[in-house]
Protein backbone atom coordinates (compact mmCIF):
# COMPACT_ATOMS: atom_id res chain seq x y z
CA MET A 1 0.00 0.00 0.00
CA THR A 2 1.61 3.29 -1.13
CA LYS A 3 1.72 5.98 1.52
CA PRO A 4 0.42 9.29 0.15
CA ARG A 5 2.53 12.45 0.38
CA ILE A 6 0.64 15.06 2.39
CA LEU A 7 1.95 18.61 2.10
CA ILE A 8 1.54 20.93 5.10
CA TRP A 9 2.08 24.47 3.81
CA ASP A 10 1.84 28.16 4.58
CA ILE A 11 2.91 31.43 2.96
CA GLU A 12 3.97 34.87 4.14
CA THR A 13 3.12 37.83 1.93
CA GLY A 14 3.90 41.54 1.79
CA GLY A 15 3.22 44.60 -0.32
CA VAL A 16 0.94 47.60 -0.52
CA ASN A 17 -1.88 45.17 0.31
CA ALA A 18 -0.50 41.78 1.37
CA LEU A 19 -3.97 40.22 1.15
CA ARG A 20 -4.37 40.78 -2.61
CA SER A 21 -2.19 39.05 -5.15
CA ASP A 22 -2.18 42.00 -7.57
CA LEU A 23 -1.10 44.44 -4.84
CA GLY A 24 1.29 42.16 -2.95
CA PHE A 25 3.91 39.47 -3.40
CA MET A 26 5.03 36.26 -1.72
CA LEU A 27 7.98 36.44 0.66
CA ASN A 28 8.06 32.92 2.13
CA PHE A 29 6.74 29.49 1.18
CA GLY A 30 6.94 27.18 4.20
CA TYR A 31 6.20 23.48 4.07
CA LYS A 32 6.80 20.04 5.51
CA TRP A 33 5.66 16.55 4.58
CA LEU A 34 3.35 14.91 7.09
CA ASP A 35 5.21 12.65 9.56
CA GLU A 36 8.60 13.95 8.46
CA ASP A 37 10.61 16.11 10.86
CA LYS A 38 12.10 18.67 8.49
CA VAL A 39 10.41 22.03 7.92
CA THR A 40 11.60 23.94 4.85
CA VAL A 41 10.95 27.62 4.21
CA LEU A 42 11.76 28.94 0.75
CA THR A 43 12.46 32.69 0.84
CA VAL A 44 12.17 35.18 -2.00
CA ASP A 45 15.81 36.31 -1.60
CA GLN A 46 17.08 32.83 -2.55
CA TYR A 47 16.36 33.47 -6.22
CA PRO A 48 18.07 35.72 -8.82
CA ASN A 49 16.82 39.27 -9.40
CA TRP A 50 14.54 39.10 -6.39
CA PHE A 51 14.84 42.82 -5.64
CA THR A 52 15.65 46.02 -7.51
CA THR A 53 15.45 49.59 -6.24
CA LYS A 54 13.23 50.46 -9.19
CA GLY A 55 10.92 47.45 -9.27
CA GLY A 56 10.96 46.29 -5.64
CA ILE A 57 10.24 42.64 -4.77
CA ASN A 58 10.14 40.11 -7.61
CA ASP A 59 8.72 36.77 -6.40
CA ARG A 60 8.81 34.94 -9.74
CA GLY A 61 11.63 32.58 -8.67
CA LEU A 62 9.93 31.77 -5.39
CA ILE A 63 6.60 31.06 -7.08
CA GLY A 64 8.26 28.69 -9.54
CA ALA A 65 9.99 26.80 -6.72
CA ALA A 66 6.74 26.55 -4.74
CA LEU A 67 4.99 25.04 -7.77
CA GLU A 68 7.65 22.33 -8.01
CA VAL A 69 6.98 21.35 -4.39
CA MET A 70 3.21 21.32 -4.87
CA ASP A 71 3.59 19.03 -7.90
CA GLU A 72 4.75 16.26 -5.53
CA ALA A 73 1.74 16.41 -3.19
CA ASP A 74 -1.10 13.88 -3.16
CA LEU A 75 -3.01 15.99 -0.61
CA MET A 76 -2.40 19.48 0.73
CA VAL A 77 -3.20 20.93 4.16
CA ALA A 78 -3.39 24.65 4.91
CA HIS A 79 -5.10 26.96 7.38
CA TYR A 80 -7.52 29.41 5.74
CA GLY A 81 -5.81 28.11 2.62
CA ASP A 82 -8.94 27.78 0.49
CA LYS A 83 -9.81 31.45 0.90
CA PHE A 84 -6.34 32.98 1.03
CA ASP A 85 -3.10 31.01 0.51
CA ARG A 86 -4.12 29.01 -2.54
CA ARG A 87 -5.88 31.89 -4.28
CA PHE A 88 -3.04 34.32 -3.55
CA LEU A 89 -0.47 31.91 -4.95
CA GLN A 90 -2.60 31.21 -8.04
CA GLY A 91 -2.98 34.96 -8.60
CA ARG A 92 0.80 35.37 -8.58
CA CYS A 93 1.09 32.39 -10.96
CA ALA A 94 -1.24 34.09 -13.43
CA ILE A 95 0.63 37.40 -13.17
CA HIS A 96 3.96 35.69 -13.89
CA GLY A 97 2.54 33.57 -16.71
CA PHE A 98 2.91 30.21 -14.97
CA THR A 99 0.51 27.35 -15.50
CA PRO A 100 -1.61 26.73 -12.37
CA PRO A 101 -0.60 24.30 -9.63
CA PRO A 102 -2.13 20.82 -9.93
CA PRO A 103 -5.76 20.56 -8.77
CA THR A 104 -4.72 18.59 -5.70
CA LYS A 105 -7.34 18.11 -2.99
CA GLN A 106 -6.79 20.38 -0.01
CA ARG A 107 -7.98 20.14 3.57
CA ASP A 108 -8.40 23.51 5.25
CA THR A 109 -8.15 23.27 9.04
CA TRP A 110 -9.98 26.59 9.41
CA ARG A 111 -12.90 25.17 7.45
CA ILE A 112 -12.85 21.86 9.36
CA ALA A 113 -12.96 23.70 12.71
CA ARG A 114 -15.65 26.09 11.50
CA THR A 115 -17.84 23.18 10.39
CA ALA A 116 -17.27 20.79 13.30
CA PHE A 117 -17.00 23.09 16.33
CA ASN A 118 -18.32 26.37 17.70
CA PHE A 119 -15.11 27.77 19.14
CA SER A 120 -14.86 31.50 19.87
CA SER A 121 -12.22 31.77 17.13
CA ASN A 122 -10.95 29.41 14.44
CA ARG A 123 -7.67 31.24 13.97
CA LEU A 124 -4.51 29.15 14.11
CA GLN A 125 -3.40 30.68 17.39
CA ASN A 126 -6.69 30.01 19.18
CA LEU A 127 -7.03 26.45 17.89
CA ALA A 128 -3.53 25.56 19.07
CA MET A 129 -4.23 27.04 22.50
CA VAL A 130 -7.70 25.52 22.94
CA LEU A 131 -6.48 22.07 21.86
CA GLY A 132 -3.49 22.28 24.20
CA LEU A 133 -0.92 21.46 21.53
CA SER A 134 2.81 21.32 22.19
CA GLU A 135 3.39 23.54 19.13
CA GLN A 136 1.98 27.05 19.51
CA LYS A 137 1.90 29.95 17.06
CA HIS A 138 4.73 32.45 17.43
CA GLN A 139 3.57 35.69 19.04
CA LYS A 140 4.70 38.74 17.11
CA THR A 141 6.16 41.61 19.16
CA ARG A 142 5.64 45.30 18.51
CA ASP A 143 9.11 45.48 16.92
CA GLU A 144 8.32 42.59 14.57
CA TRP A 145 5.00 43.90 13.32
CA PRO A 146 4.67 45.85 11.13
CA GLY A 147 8.45 46.30 10.96
CA TRP A 148 9.04 42.99 9.17
CA TRP A 149 6.80 43.95 6.27
CA PHE A 150 8.19 47.46 5.82
CA ARG A 151 11.79 46.24 5.95
CA ALA A 152 11.06 43.37 3.55
CA MET A 153 9.47 45.75 1.05
CA ALA A 154 12.69 47.76 1.17
CA GLY A 155 14.73 44.66 0.30
CA ASP A 156 16.00 43.82 3.80
CA ALA A 157 16.86 40.09 3.63
CA THR A 158 17.25 39.85 7.43
CA ALA A 159 13.56 40.74 7.83
CA ILE A 160 12.61 38.05 5.31
CA LYS A 161 14.70 35.49 7.22
CA SER A 162 12.99 36.47 10.49
CA MET A 163 9.61 36.02 8.84
CA ALA A 164 10.77 32.59 7.64
CA GLN A 165 11.21 31.45 11.26
CA TYR A 166 7.69 32.67 12.00
CA CYS A 167 6.40 30.78 8.93
CA ALA A 168 8.17 27.58 9.98
CA GLN A 169 6.48 27.66 13.38
CA ASP A 170 3.09 28.13 11.72
CA VAL A 171 3.74 25.00 9.63
CA ARG A 172 4.65 22.94 12.72
CA THR A 173 1.55 24.18 14.53
CA LEU A 174 -0.65 23.53 11.50
CA GLU A 175 0.50 19.91 11.29
CA GLN A 176 -0.50 19.24 14.91
CA ILE A 177 -3.89 20.90 14.43
CA TYR A 178 -4.57 18.79 11.34
CA LEU A 179 -3.65 15.56 13.13
CA ARG A 180 -5.89 16.46 16.07
CA ILE A 181 -9.02 17.41 14.12
CA ARG A 182 -8.87 15.36 10.90
CA MET A 183 -11.15 12.74 12.48
CA TYR A 184 -13.91 15.39 12.44
CA ASP A 185 -13.45 16.09 8.73
CA ASN A 186 -16.32 14.05 7.28
CA PRO A 187 -15.61 14.80 3.58
CA HIS A 188 -11.90 13.98 3.95
CA PRO A 189 -10.86 12.13 0.76
CA ARG A 190 -9.85 8.50 0.84
CA LEU A 191 -6.06 8.16 0.89
CA PHE A 192 -5.77 4.41 1.43
CA ILE A 193 -7.54 1.84 -0.73
CA ASP A 194 -8.50 -1.62 0.48
CA GLU A 195 -11.10 -3.65 -1.40
CA HIS A 196 -12.30 -5.25 1.82
CA ARG A 197 -12.62 -1.88 3.61
CA GLN A 198 -10.42 -3.13 6.44
CA VAL A 199 -8.25 0.00 6.71
CA CYS A 200 -8.95 3.60 7.66
CA LYS A 201 -9.25 5.81 4.59
CA VAL A 202 -7.34 8.65 6.27
CA CYS A 203 -4.35 7.04 8.02
CA GLY A 204 -4.28 3.44 6.75
CA SER A 205 -4.68 1.78 10.17
CA LYS A 206 -6.98 -1.18 10.71
CA VAL A 207 -10.61 -0.49 11.57
CA GLN A 208 -13.00 -1.91 14.13
CA TYR A 209 -16.63 -2.54 13.19
CA ARG A 210 -19.06 -0.83 15.55
CA GLY A 211 -22.78 -0.77 14.89
CA LEU A 212 -24.78 0.36 11.90
CA ALA A 213 -25.27 3.57 9.95
CA PHE A 214 -28.82 4.23 8.72
CA VAL A 215 -29.19 6.17 5.46
CA GLY A 216 -32.71 6.51 4.11
CA GLU A 217 -34.21 3.04 3.83
CA ASN A 218 -30.82 1.28 3.88
CA TYR A 219 -28.30 0.53 6.59
CA TYR A 220 -24.60 -0.12 6.46
CA HIS A 221 -21.91 -1.61 8.67
CA ARG A 222 -20.15 1.21 10.53
CA PHE A 223 -16.50 1.18 11.61
CA GLN A 224 -13.90 3.32 13.37
CA CYS A 225 -10.15 3.62 12.87
CA SER A 226 -8.36 1.63 15.58
CA ASN A 227 -5.44 4.10 15.74
CA LEU A 228 -6.48 5.79 18.99
CA ARG A 229 -3.10 6.36 20.66
CA GLY A 230 0.08 8.31 20.08
CA LYS A 231 0.68 11.69 18.50
CA ASN A 232 -0.73 10.58 15.14
CA LYS A 233 -3.90 9.01 16.50
CA CYS A 234 -6.82 9.09 14.11
CA GLY A 235 -10.12 7.54 15.24
CA LYS A 236 -11.97 8.44 12.02
CA TRP A 237 -15.43 6.92 11.56
CA GLY A 238 -16.63 5.42 8.30
CA ARG A 239 -19.07 2.94 6.83
CA GLU A 240 -19.22 0.36 4.10
CA THR A 241 -20.59 1.42 0.76
CA LYS A 242 -22.77 -1.64 0.21
CA ALA A 243 -25.99 -1.82 2.17
CA VAL A 244 -26.56 -4.72 4.54
CA LYS A 245 -28.87 -7.31 3.02
CA ASP A 246 -31.68 -8.67 5.10
CA CYS A 247 -31.01 -12.17 6.39
């Protein structure tokens, strides 16, 4: 059974309006592969012609490198990524004349939390705190914000490197949030295939059959992932696709 590559990713942006891809630019692309230790942050200053006094920040090299990483992913995970990160990156792709990233399925932890819970806030910082995770979002100081953004716009590579550390911590925190709440993500796509439906579709662990699921006039055998311990515990519920026949 092939283990899927799950990309945990986040971006840092800047510009006149860092929320709009035609008024801003990408400064950092942070990522890690699920269950691997290494966090990588690609920074705009790693690529040729990234800054000129006349034109300012040029993120073309960074965007191209980010696309190469995304090409390898079987599933992507981001926080508020459906509404911001993915659309911002695609906007920069269009501006630079790149083809779009692959249409890889993405799980948005902001959307999962918004659908499954009624927390006071679904921001990354609040989710990490409420869930009591060992990885917490870095708290910006008054000197860091908005200083980072102004210095980066002026071509200060030290500010971009400082933002990269902030981005890396967001990626580590995001991974823990995803692992904690993915069991609540009902539309999560199937990542592991087993013709006998003996493995969890999300993490590949064995399942335990527990009761029935009633849908309309039919009912189905229901099961739960047996991976209920450790940092990568799952516990996702599912059901068979064929209805139970009357005996």
